[in-house]
Amino acid sequence: ISLFIKLIANKVLFGNGFDIHKLTKGNFLSLGGLKIKSNYKSIGHSDGDVVLHSLIDAILGALRAGDIGEHFPSIRKYKNIDSSLLLDEIKKRYLNYKFLIDKIDCTIICQAVRLEKHKKSIKKHLSKILLTAQDNINIKAKTSDKIGSIGNSKAIACWITIKIYKL
């Protein structure tokens, strides 16, 4: 039994990712690779997509490959870049059919923008770009009950936990 457990333990990987960005007045919010109509936008070196940034960190964490800042530092090359391109690069470098994304649990925390009506479209888009079933993805939208910078509509955050199988 211990050999079986050892084999399985090396094949199942878990990672966490977290990101937070300031909010300012705008026309849309980048979330999960989508542009969501909004009176706010997030401020970041790239497009400020907290979902994709958290996802990238979760993947890198599961694979013990550092963090997003190591791979995409705040340099001119990445200024205002679409975070979908960053995720594509991570997929090419690390996932390239050697890994299967099994489960994603995503919590988006935002007071300023009501996200319940966007959860399904984010889930569907993530499923498509990650080549995993929609049933493998859970999207939660929370507020912070008007506490702190998120609660005062000055920030948005995301936390993702991911389970990956090594093939």
C-alpha atoms as a PDB file:
ATOM      1  CA  ILE A   1       0.000   0.000   0.000  1.00  0.00           C
ATOM      2  CA  SER A   2       2.782   2.504   0.785  1.00  0.00           C
ATOM      3  CA  LEU A   3       4.164   2.147  -2.771  1.00  0.00           C
ATOM      4  CA  PHE A   4       0.705   2.906  -4.179  1.00  0.00           C
ATOM      5  CA  ILE A   5       0.366   5.976  -1.933  1.00  0.00           C
ATOM      6  CA  LYS A   6       3.824   7.152  -2.943  1.00  0.00           C
ATOM      7  CA  LEU A   7       2.958   6.830  -6.652  1.00  0.00           C
ATOM      8  CA  ILE A   8      -0.324   8.667  -6.250  1.00  0.00           C
ATOM      9  CA  ALA A   9       1.229  11.392  -4.056  1.00  0.00           C
ATOM     10  CA  ASN A  10       3.681  12.278  -6.822  1.00  0.00           C
ATOM     11  CA  LYS A  11       0.904  12.500  -9.392  1.00  0.00           C
ATOM     12  CA  VAL A  12      -1.535  14.784  -7.561  1.00  0.00           C
ATOM     13  CA  LEU A  13      -0.411  18.396  -7.177  1.00  0.00           C
ATOM     14  CA  PHE A  14      -2.096  21.302  -5.380  1.00  0.00           C
ATOM     15  CA  GLY A  15      -1.441  25.027  -5.630  1.00  0.00           C
ATOM     16  CA  ASN A  16      -2.788  28.328  -4.365  1.00  0.00           C
ATOM     17  CA  GLY A  17      -2.784  31.727  -6.001  1.00  0.00           C
ATOM     18  CA  PHE A  18      -3.777  35.129  -4.678  1.00  0.00           C
ATOM     19  CA  ASP A  19      -3.894  38.568  -6.267  1.00  0.00           C
ATOM     20  CA  ILE A  20      -5.258  41.984  -5.353  1.00  0.00           C
ATOM     21  CA  HIS A  21      -5.417  45.200  -7.397  1.00  0.00           C
ATOM     22  CA  LYS A  22      -6.598  48.737  -6.759  1.00  0.00           C
ATOM     23  CA  LEU A  23      -9.760  49.853  -8.523  1.00  0.00           C
ATOM     24  CA  THR A  24     -10.365  53.153 -10.297  1.00  0.00           C
ATOM     25  CA  LYS A  25     -13.076  54.595 -12.541  1.00  0.00           C
ATOM     26  CA  GLY A  26     -13.252  52.857 -15.908  1.00  0.00           C
ATOM     27  CA  ASN A  27     -15.410  51.166 -18.538  1.00  0.00           C
ATOM     28  CA  PHE A  28     -14.644  47.495 -17.993  1.00  0.00           C
ATOM     29  CA  LEU A  29     -13.024  45.065 -15.602  1.00  0.00           C
ATOM     30  CA  SER A  30     -10.713  42.290 -16.841  1.00  0.00           C
ATOM     31  CA  LEU A  31     -11.693  39.044 -15.089  1.00  0.00           C
ATOM     32  CA  GLY A  32     -10.871  35.507 -16.157  1.00  0.00           C
ATOM     33  CA  GLY A  33      -9.784  36.675 -19.589  1.00  0.00           C
ATOM     34  CA  LEU A  34     -13.080  38.491 -20.195  1.00  0.00           C
ATOM     35  CA  LYS A  35     -13.861  42.194 -20.362  1.00  0.00           C
ATOM     36  CA  ILE A  36     -16.809  42.798 -18.052  1.00  0.00           C
ATOM     37  CA  LYS A  37     -18.741  46.061 -18.493  1.00  0.00           C
ATOM     38  CA  SER A  38     -18.269  48.072 -15.344  1.00  0.00           C
ATOM     39  CA  ASN A  39     -17.808  51.574 -13.954  1.00  0.00           C
ATOM     40  CA  TYR A  40     -14.471  50.358 -12.561  1.00  0.00           C
ATOM     41  CA  LYS A  41     -11.206  48.974 -13.870  1.00  0.00           C
ATOM     42  CA  SER A  42      -8.320  47.453 -11.983  1.00  0.00           C
ATOM     43  CA  ILE A  43      -4.945  49.133 -11.876  1.00  0.00           C
ATOM     44  CA  GLY A  44      -1.968  46.901 -12.565  1.00  0.00           C
ATOM     45  CA  HIS A  45       1.218  46.671 -14.551  1.00  0.00           C
ATOM     46  CA  SER A  46      -0.622  44.410 -17.007  1.00  0.00           C
ATOM     47  CA  ASP A  47      -4.405  44.435 -17.480  1.00  0.00           C
ATOM     48  CA  GLY A  48      -4.950  43.777 -13.752  1.00  0.00           C
ATOM     49  CA  ASP A  49      -6.909  40.523 -14.225  1.00  0.00           C
ATOM     50  CA  VAL A  50      -6.898  39.178 -10.653  1.00  0.00           C
ATOM     51  CA  VAL A  51      -8.454  35.865 -11.730  1.00  0.00           C
ATOM     52  CA  LEU A  52      -5.811  35.029 -14.338  1.00  0.00           C
ATOM     53  CA  HIS A  53      -2.993  36.295 -12.113  1.00  0.00           C
ATOM     54  CA  SER A  54      -4.208  34.072  -9.259  1.00  0.00           C
ATOM     55  CA  LEU A  55      -4.628  31.163 -11.652  1.00  0.00           C
ATOM     56  CA  ILE A  56      -1.083  31.546 -12.975  1.00  0.00           C
ATOM     57  CA  ASP A  57       0.286  31.634  -9.420  1.00  0.00           C
ATOM     58  CA  ALA A  58      -1.784  28.568  -8.469  1.00  0.00           C
ATOM     59  CA  ILE A  59      -0.424  26.610 -11.459  1.00  0.00           C
ATOM     60  CA  LEU A  60       3.136  27.717 -10.734  1.00  0.00           C
ATOM     61  CA  GLY A  61       2.684  26.835  -7.061  1.00  0.00           C
ATOM     62  CA  ALA A  62       1.419  23.337  -7.840  1.00  0.00           C
ATOM     63  CA  LEU A  63       4.388  22.759 -10.140  1.00  0.00           C
ATOM     64  CA  ARG A  64       6.866  24.350  -7.690  1.00  0.00           C
ATOM     65  CA  ALA A  65       7.890  26.806 -10.417  1.00  0.00           C
ATOM     66  CA  GLY A  66       7.973  30.134  -8.585  1.00  0.00           C
ATOM     67  CA  ASP A  67       5.447  32.914  -8.985  1.00  0.00           C
ATOM     68  CA  ILE A  68       4.068  35.245 -11.625  1.00  0.00           C
ATOM     69  CA  GLY A  69       6.495  38.057 -10.743  1.00  0.00           C
ATOM     70  CA  GLU A  70       9.500  35.815 -11.425  1.00  0.00           C
ATOM     71  CA  HIS A  71       8.192  34.872 -14.859  1.00  0.00           C
ATOM     72  CA  PHE A  72       6.708  38.235 -15.851  1.00  0.00           C
ATOM     73  CA  PRO A  73       8.453  41.055 -13.958  1.00  0.00           C
ATOM     74  CA  SER A  74       7.181  44.631 -14.018  1.00  0.00           C
ATOM     75  CA  ILE A  75       9.152  45.663 -17.089  1.00  0.00           C
ATOM     76  CA  ARG A  76       8.134  47.566 -20.221  1.00  0.00           C
ATOM     77  CA  LYS A  77       7.622  44.323 -22.212  1.00  0.00           C
ATOM     78  CA  TYR A  78       4.642  43.375 -20.005  1.00  0.00           C
ATOM     79  CA  LYS A  79       3.137  46.844 -19.499  1.00  0.00           C
ATOM     80  CA  ASN A  80      -0.650  46.705 -20.196  1.00  0.00           C
ATOM     81  CA  ILE A  81      -0.341  43.159 -21.608  1.00  0.00           C
ATOM     82  CA  ASP A  82      -3.443  40.975 -21.820  1.00  0.00           C
ATOM     83  CA  SER A  83      -3.085  38.423 -18.996  1.00  0.00           C
ATOM     84  CA  SER A  84      -4.440  35.704 -21.323  1.00  0.00           C
ATOM     85  CA  LEU A  85      -1.098  35.930 -23.146  1.00  0.00           C
ATOM     86  CA  LEU A  86       0.735  35.383 -19.864  1.00  0.00           C
ATOM     87  CA  LEU A  87      -1.396  32.317 -19.118  1.00  0.00           C
ATOM     88  CA  ASP A  88      -0.756  30.991 -22.641  1.00  0.00           C
ATOM     89  CA  GLU A  89       2.991  31.307 -22.020  1.00  0.00           C
ATOM     90  CA  ILE A  90       2.747  29.402 -18.718  1.00  0.00           C
ATOM     91  CA  LYS A  91       0.688  26.681 -20.410  1.00  0.00           C
ATOM     92  CA  LYS A  92       3.331  26.328 -23.148  1.00  0.00           C
ATOM     93  CA  ARG A  93       6.255  26.316 -20.713  1.00  0.00           C
ATOM     94  CA  TYR A  94       4.832  24.002 -18.071  1.00  0.00           C
ATOM     95  CA  LEU A  95       1.586  22.243 -18.856  1.00  0.00           C
ATOM     96  CA  ASN A  96       2.079  21.215 -22.517  1.00  0.00           C
ATOM     97  CA  TYR A  97       0.026  18.006 -22.249  1.00  0.00           C
ATOM     98  CA  LYS A  98       2.056  16.639 -19.324  1.00  0.00           C
ATOM     99  CA  PHE A  99      -0.534  17.765 -16.780  1.00  0.00           C
ATOM    100  CA  LEU A 100      -4.319  17.624 -16.445  1.00  0.00           C
ATOM    101  CA  ILE A 101      -6.110  20.378 -14.565  1.00  0.00           C
ATOM    102  CA  ASP A 102      -8.695  18.570 -12.473  1.00  0.00           C
ATOM    103  CA  LYS A 103     -10.250  21.094 -10.076  1.00  0.00           C
ATOM    104  CA  ILE A 104     -10.223  24.873  -9.695  1.00  0.00           C
ATOM    105  CA  ASP A 105     -11.852  26.689  -6.796  1.00  0.00           C
ATOM    106  CA  CYS A 106     -11.924  30.445  -7.418  1.00  0.00           C
ATOM    107  CA  THR A 107     -13.106  33.122  -4.979  1.00  0.00           C
ATOM    108  CA  ILE A 108     -13.381  36.687  -6.315  1.00  0.00           C
ATOM    109  CA  ILE A 109     -13.785  39.343  -3.630  1.00  0.00           C
ATOM    110  CA  CYS A 110     -15.225  42.682  -4.751  1.00  0.00           C
ATOM    111  CA  GLN A 111     -17.619  45.185  -3.203  1.00  0.00           C
ATOM    112  CA  ALA A 112     -17.830  47.620  -6.123  1.00  0.00           C
ATOM    113  CA  VAL A 113     -18.974  45.275  -8.898  1.00  0.00           C
ATOM    114  CA  ARG A 114     -21.697  42.667  -8.487  1.00  0.00           C
ATOM    115  CA  LEU A 115     -20.314  39.509 -10.075  1.00  0.00           C
ATOM    116  CA  GLU A 116     -23.019  36.872  -9.618  1.00  0.00           C
ATOM    117  CA  LYS A 117     -24.293  37.304 -13.183  1.00  0.00           C
ATOM    118  CA  HIS A 118     -20.738  36.880 -14.581  1.00  0.00           C
ATOM    119  CA  LYS A 119     -19.745  33.685 -12.760  1.00  0.00           C
ATOM    120  CA  LYS A 120     -21.042  31.341 -15.469  1.00  0.00           C
ATOM    121  CA  SER A 121     -19.301  33.189 -18.304  1.00  0.00           C
ATOM    122  CA  ILE A 122     -15.996  33.265 -16.374  1.00  0.00           C
ATOM    123  CA  LYS A 123     -16.344  29.547 -15.658  1.00  0.00           C
ATOM    124  CA  LYS A 124     -17.112  28.777 -19.297  1.00  0.00           C
ATOM    125  CA  HIS A 125     -14.167  30.854 -20.540  1.00  0.00           C
ATOM    126  CA  LEU A 126     -11.704  29.291 -18.067  1.00  0.00           C
ATOM    127  CA  SER A 127     -12.929  25.843 -19.070  1.00  0.00           C
ATOM    128  CA  LYS A 128     -12.251  26.636 -22.715  1.00  0.00           C
ATOM    129  CA  ILE A 129      -8.767  28.096 -22.277  1.00  0.00           C
ATOM    130  CA  LEU A 130      -7.650  25.413 -19.804  1.00  0.00           C
ATOM    131  CA  LEU A 131      -9.159  22.484 -21.726  1.00  0.00           C
ATOM    132  CA  THR A 132     -11.014  21.170 -18.693  1.00  0.00           C
ATOM    133  CA  ALA A 133     -14.695  20.452 -18.072  1.00  0.00           C
ATOM    134  CA  GLN A 134     -16.828  23.243 -16.619  1.00  0.00           C
ATOM    135  CA  ASP A 135     -17.746  20.830 -13.818  1.00  0.00           C
ATOM    136  CA  ASN A 136     -14.100  21.017 -12.685  1.00  0.00           C
ATOM    137  CA  ILE A 137     -14.368  24.757 -12.005  1.00  0.00           C
ATOM    138  CA  ASN A 138     -16.135  26.542  -9.171  1.00  0.00           C
ATOM    139  CA  ILE A 139     -16.455  30.338  -9.169  1.00  0.00           C
ATOM    140  CA  LYS A 140     -17.544  32.185  -6.039  1.00  0.00           C
ATOM    141  CA  ALA A 141     -18.224  35.913  -5.799  1.00  0.00           C
ATOM    142  CA  LYS A 142     -17.965  37.536  -2.385  1.00  0.00           C
ATOM    143  CA  THR A 143     -18.004  41.009  -0.890  1.00  0.00           C
ATOM    144  CA  SER A 144     -16.042  42.042   2.178  1.00  0.00           C
ATOM    145  CA  ASP A 145     -19.064  43.586   3.902  1.00  0.00           C
ATOM    146  CA  LYS A 146     -17.703  47.102   3.431  1.00  0.00           C
ATOM    147  CA  ILE A 147     -14.558  46.287   5.439  1.00  0.00           C
ATOM    148  CA  GLY A 148     -11.116  47.445   4.318  1.00  0.00           C
ATOM    149  CA  SER A 149      -9.964  48.568   0.879  1.00  0.00           C
ATOM    150  CA  ILE A 150     -12.085  45.952  -0.912  1.00  0.00           C
ATOM    151  CA  GLY A 151     -15.148  46.883   1.139  1.00  0.00           C
ATOM    152  CA  ASN A 152     -14.561  50.557   0.380  1.00  0.00           C
ATOM    153  CA  SER A 153     -14.590  49.735  -3.366  1.00  0.00           C
ATOM    154  CA  LYS A 154     -10.904  50.597  -3.714  1.00  0.00           C
ATOM    155  CA  ALA A 155      -9.685  47.077  -4.572  1.00  0.00           C
ATOM    156  CA  ILE A 156     -10.578  43.659  -5.971  1.00  0.00           C
ATOM    157  CA  ALA A 157      -8.974  40.352  -4.998  1.00  0.00           C
ATOM    158  CA  CYS A 158      -9.018  36.705  -6.008  1.00  0.00           C
ATOM    159  CA  TRP A 159      -7.931  33.473  -4.345  1.00  0.00           C
ATOM    160  CA  ILE A 160      -7.606  30.237  -6.335  1.00  0.00           C
ATOM    161  CA  THR A 161      -6.871  26.686  -5.257  1.00  0.00           C
ATOM    162  CA  ILE A 162      -6.045  24.197  -8.001  1.00  0.00           C
ATOM    163  CA  LYS A 163      -5.617  20.424  -8.278  1.00  0.00           C
ATOM    164  CA  ILE A 164      -3.491  19.110 -11.135  1.00  0.00           C
ATOM    165  CA  TYR A 165      -2.652  15.542 -12.179  1.00  0.00           C
ATOM    166  CA  LYS A 166       0.761  14.768 -13.555  1.00  0.00           C
ATOM    167  CA  LEU A 167       0.295  12.451 -16.542  1.00  0.00           C
END
